[in-house]
Amino acid sequence: MRGANLTGADFSGAVLRDCNMGPLIISAKRRLPTQLVEAKLRNVDLRGADLAQAVLDRADITGARLDGAKTESASMNGVRDDEADTGAS
């Protein structure tokens, strides 16, 4: 799913464990980030997923499993995460 435009997609309850949603490398200077703007990711299993540079602005990740997910440089402005489980204690 690298570089895919999944704006508004509903993945509620999906298992996307270890899924690669990092940017699609077009050239040495051009990367196309995965777009998950306003996506519904409620209760999604994203453990170990690569979300580096993904755009998750205003996405609903309530109840999502994110432990081990790579989120460096991801845009998460306005994300709803009422019950997100990051694996942190």
Protein backbone atom coordinates (compact mmCIF):
# COMPACT_ATOMS: atom_id res chain seq x y z
CA MET A 1 0.00 0.00 0.00
CA ARG A 2 3.00 2.29 -0.31
CA GLY A 3 2.03 5.69 -1.69
CA ALA A 4 -1.67 4.79 -2.01
CA ASN A 5 -4.41 7.41 -1.67
CA LEU A 6 -6.73 5.89 0.92
CA THR A 7 -8.40 9.12 1.97
CA GLY A 8 -11.66 8.39 3.80
CA ALA A 9 -11.22 4.60 3.53
CA ASP A 10 -12.93 2.42 6.15
CA PHE A 11 -10.60 -0.26 7.50
CA SER A 12 -12.50 -0.74 10.76
CA GLY A 13 -11.50 -4.06 12.35
CA ALA A 14 -8.95 -4.94 9.64
CA VAL A 15 -5.69 -6.74 10.34
CA LEU A 16 -2.92 -4.73 8.68
CA ARG A 17 -0.13 -6.12 10.83
CA ASP A 18 3.37 -5.49 9.39
CA CYS A 19 1.78 -3.69 6.41
CA ASN A 20 4.08 -1.32 4.53
CA MET A 21 2.40 2.07 4.27
CA GLY A 22 5.64 4.00 4.00
CA PRO A 23 6.19 6.38 1.11
CA LEU A 24 6.46 5.16 -2.46
CA ILE A 25 9.88 6.20 -3.73
CA ILE A 26 9.47 7.73 -7.18
CA SER A 27 13.06 8.96 -7.51
CA ALA A 28 15.96 9.93 -5.28
CA LYS A 29 14.27 13.25 -4.53
CA ARG A 30 10.58 12.37 -4.80
CA ARG A 31 8.53 10.32 -2.36
CA LEU A 32 4.77 9.82 -2.47
CA PRO A 33 3.36 9.42 1.07
CA THR A 34 0.43 7.13 1.78
CA GLN A 35 -2.72 9.23 2.29
CA LEU A 36 -4.99 8.10 5.14
CA VAL A 37 -6.70 11.45 5.74
CA GLU A 38 -9.99 10.96 7.63
CA ALA A 39 -9.62 7.17 7.30
CA LYS A 40 -11.57 4.98 9.70
CA LEU A 41 -9.00 2.76 11.40
CA ARG A 42 -11.08 1.77 14.45
CA ASN A 43 -9.83 -1.41 16.13
CA VAL A 44 -7.31 -1.98 13.31
CA ASP A 45 -4.27 -4.15 14.06
CA LEU A 46 -1.33 -2.01 12.89
CA ARG A 47 1.33 -3.70 15.04
CA GLY A 48 4.67 -3.49 13.27
CA ALA A 49 3.20 -1.54 10.33
CA ASP A 50 5.39 0.99 8.52
CA LEU A 51 3.51 4.30 8.68
CA ALA A 52 6.62 6.46 8.18
CA GLN A 53 5.68 9.71 6.44
CA ALA A 54 2.04 8.59 6.08
CA VAL A 55 -0.62 11.31 6.31
CA LEU A 56 -3.19 10.28 8.94
CA ASP A 57 -4.69 13.71 9.55
CA ARG A 58 -8.13 13.52 11.21
CA ALA A 59 -8.12 9.69 11.02
CA ASP A 60 -10.04 7.73 13.67
CA ILE A 61 -7.68 5.21 15.28
CA THR A 62 -9.89 4.49 18.30
CA GLY A 63 -8.97 1.06 19.68
CA ALA A 64 -6.20 0.52 17.10
CA ARG A 65 -3.16 -1.60 18.02
CA LEU A 66 -0.05 0.44 17.21
CA ASP A 67 2.68 -1.24 19.27
CA GLY A 68 5.82 -1.55 17.19
CA ALA A 69 4.39 0.59 14.37
CA LYS A 70 6.87 2.94 12.69
CA THR A 71 5.33 6.42 12.83
CA GLU A 72 8.37 8.68 12.48
CA SER A 73 7.63 11.70 10.31
CA ALA A 74 3.95 10.66 10.01
CA SER A 75 1.45 13.51 9.97
CA MET A 76 -1.19 12.86 12.63
CA ASN A 77 -2.90 16.25 13.00
CA GLY A 78 -6.32 15.99 14.61
CA VAL A 79 -6.17 12.18 14.93
CA ARG A 80 -8.92 10.70 17.09
CA ASP A 81 -7.38 8.10 19.38
CA ASP A 82 -9.81 7.75 22.29
CA GLU A 83 -8.67 4.21 23.06
CA ALA A 84 -5.58 3.56 20.92
CA ASP A 85 -3.26 0.90 22.35
CA THR A 86 0.37 1.79 21.70
CA GLY A 87 1.69 -1.05 23.83
CA ALA A 88 3.18 1.44 26.30
CA SER A 89 2.61 0.81 30.00
